N, C-alpha and C. Protein backbone atom coordinates (compact mmCIF):
# COMPACT_ATOMS: atom_id res chain seq x y z
N MET A 1 -3.23 -11.31 14.29
CA MET A 1 -2.61 -10.28 15.09
C MET A 1 -1.15 -10.09 14.68
N TYR A 2 -0.43 -11.21 14.49
CA TYR A 2 0.97 -11.09 14.10
C TYR A 2 1.12 -10.49 12.70
N LEU A 3 0.17 -10.80 11.83
CA LEU A 3 0.23 -10.26 10.48
C LEU A 3 0.06 -8.74 10.49
N ILE A 4 -0.89 -8.25 11.25
CA ILE A 4 -1.10 -6.81 11.34
C ILE A 4 0.11 -6.13 11.96
N LEU A 5 0.66 -6.73 13.00
CA LEU A 5 1.85 -6.18 13.65
C LEU A 5 3.02 -6.14 12.67
N GLY A 6 3.18 -7.20 11.90
CA GLY A 6 4.26 -7.24 10.92
C GLY A 6 4.10 -6.19 9.84
N ILE A 7 2.88 -6.00 9.37
CA ILE A 7 2.64 -4.99 8.33
C ILE A 7 2.90 -3.59 8.87
N VAL A 8 2.42 -3.33 10.08
CA VAL A 8 2.64 -2.01 10.68
C VAL A 8 4.13 -1.75 10.89
N LEU A 9 4.86 -2.72 11.40
CA LEU A 9 6.29 -2.55 11.60
C LEU A 9 7.03 -2.36 10.29
N PHE A 10 6.59 -3.06 9.25
CA PHE A 10 7.23 -2.92 7.94
C PHE A 10 7.00 -1.52 7.38
N VAL A 11 5.79 -1.01 7.52
CA VAL A 11 5.49 0.34 7.04
C VAL A 11 6.30 1.38 7.82
N VAL A 12 6.41 1.20 9.12
CA VAL A 12 7.21 2.12 9.93
C VAL A 12 8.68 2.03 9.52
N TRP A 13 9.15 0.83 9.21
CA TRP A 13 10.53 0.66 8.77
C TRP A 13 10.79 1.41 7.47
N ILE A 14 9.88 1.26 6.51
CA ILE A 14 10.02 1.97 5.24
C ILE A 14 10.02 3.49 5.47
N GLY A 15 9.08 3.96 6.27
CA GLY A 15 9.00 5.39 6.54
C GLY A 15 10.23 5.93 7.23
N SER A 16 10.72 5.21 8.22
CA SER A 16 11.89 5.69 8.95
C SER A 16 13.16 5.57 8.11
N PHE A 17 13.20 4.60 7.23
CA PHE A 17 14.37 4.46 6.36
C PHE A 17 14.45 5.62 5.38
N LEU A 18 13.29 6.09 4.93
CA LEU A 18 13.27 7.21 3.99
C LEU A 18 13.53 8.55 4.68
N VAL A 19 13.08 8.68 5.93
CA VAL A 19 13.21 9.95 6.63
C VAL A 19 14.55 10.06 7.36
N PHE A 20 14.91 9.03 8.11
CA PHE A 20 16.14 9.05 8.92
C PHE A 20 17.16 8.09 8.32
N LYS A 21 17.97 8.57 7.43
CA LYS A 21 18.93 7.68 6.75
C LYS A 21 20.11 7.33 7.64
N THR A 22 20.29 8.00 8.76
CA THR A 22 21.45 7.75 9.60
C THR A 22 21.12 6.97 10.86
N ALA A 23 19.91 6.45 10.99
CA ALA A 23 19.52 5.76 12.22
C ALA A 23 20.15 4.38 12.35
N GLY A 24 20.57 3.77 11.25
CA GLY A 24 21.36 2.55 11.30
C GLY A 24 20.65 1.34 11.83
N VAL A 25 21.15 0.82 12.93
CA VAL A 25 20.72 -0.46 13.48
C VAL A 25 19.25 -0.45 13.90
N LEU A 26 18.77 0.62 14.47
CA LEU A 26 17.40 0.66 14.96
C LEU A 26 16.39 0.47 13.84
N ILE A 27 16.65 1.03 12.68
CA ILE A 27 15.74 0.86 11.56
C ILE A 27 15.70 -0.60 11.12
N HIS A 28 16.86 -1.24 11.10
CA HIS A 28 16.90 -2.64 10.67
C HIS A 28 16.32 -3.58 11.72
N LEU A 29 16.33 -3.19 12.98
CA LEU A 29 15.65 -3.98 14.01
C LEU A 29 14.14 -3.98 13.77
N LEU A 30 13.59 -2.86 13.32
CA LEU A 30 12.17 -2.83 12.98
C LEU A 30 11.85 -3.83 11.88
N LEU A 31 12.71 -3.91 10.87
CA LEU A 31 12.50 -4.87 9.80
C LEU A 31 12.58 -6.29 10.33
N LEU A 32 13.52 -6.55 11.21
CA LEU A 32 13.66 -7.88 11.79
C LEU A 32 12.42 -8.26 12.58
N PHE A 33 11.89 -7.36 13.40
CA PHE A 33 10.68 -7.64 14.17
C PHE A 33 9.47 -7.83 13.25
N ALA A 34 9.41 -7.08 12.16
CA ALA A 34 8.31 -7.23 11.21
C ALA A 34 8.35 -8.61 10.57
N ILE A 35 9.51 -9.04 10.16
CA ILE A 35 9.64 -10.36 9.53
C ILE A 35 9.32 -11.46 10.53
N LEU A 36 9.81 -11.31 11.76
CA LEU A 36 9.53 -12.33 12.78
C LEU A 36 8.04 -12.43 13.09
N SER A 37 7.36 -11.30 13.15
CA SER A 37 5.94 -11.35 13.46
C SER A 37 5.13 -11.96 12.31
N ILE A 38 5.53 -11.70 11.08
CA ILE A 38 4.85 -12.33 9.94
C ILE A 38 5.09 -13.83 9.94
N VAL A 39 6.30 -14.25 10.22
CA VAL A 39 6.61 -15.69 10.30
C VAL A 39 5.81 -16.34 11.42
N MET A 40 5.72 -15.68 12.57
CA MET A 40 4.93 -16.22 13.69
C MET A 40 3.46 -16.34 13.31
N HIS A 41 2.96 -15.42 12.49
CA HIS A 41 1.57 -15.48 12.04
C HIS A 41 1.34 -16.75 11.23
N PHE A 42 2.25 -17.07 10.34
CA PHE A 42 2.06 -18.24 9.50
C PHE A 42 2.34 -19.54 10.25
N ILE A 43 3.23 -19.50 11.23
CA ILE A 43 3.51 -20.70 12.02
C ILE A 43 2.36 -21.02 12.95
N SER A 44 1.84 -20.00 13.63
CA SER A 44 0.78 -20.25 14.61
C SER A 44 -0.54 -20.60 13.93
N GLY A 45 -0.76 -20.11 12.73
CA GLY A 45 -2.00 -20.42 12.02
C GLY A 45 -3.21 -19.84 12.69
N LYS A 46 -4.34 -20.51 12.52
CA LYS A 46 -5.60 -20.03 13.14
C LYS A 46 -5.92 -20.93 14.32
N ARG A 47 -5.34 -20.62 15.44
CA ARG A 47 -5.63 -21.36 16.65
C ARG A 47 -6.72 -20.65 17.44
N ALA A 48 -7.52 -21.42 18.13
CA ALA A 48 -8.56 -20.81 18.97
C ALA A 48 -7.91 -20.24 20.22
N VAL A 49 -8.39 -19.11 20.64
CA VAL A 49 -7.81 -18.46 21.82
C VAL A 49 -8.53 -18.90 23.06
């Protein structure tokens, strides 16, 4: 779940960076959340729910 969330946020970050070059901090927050969710995916591993 975290991996999919991270990939989606990363794609949105790339798209918004190309379209809205003046958005500044908000675009980089998307990148930060994408990286955090990917890291959480690898830390949590495959745990049973």
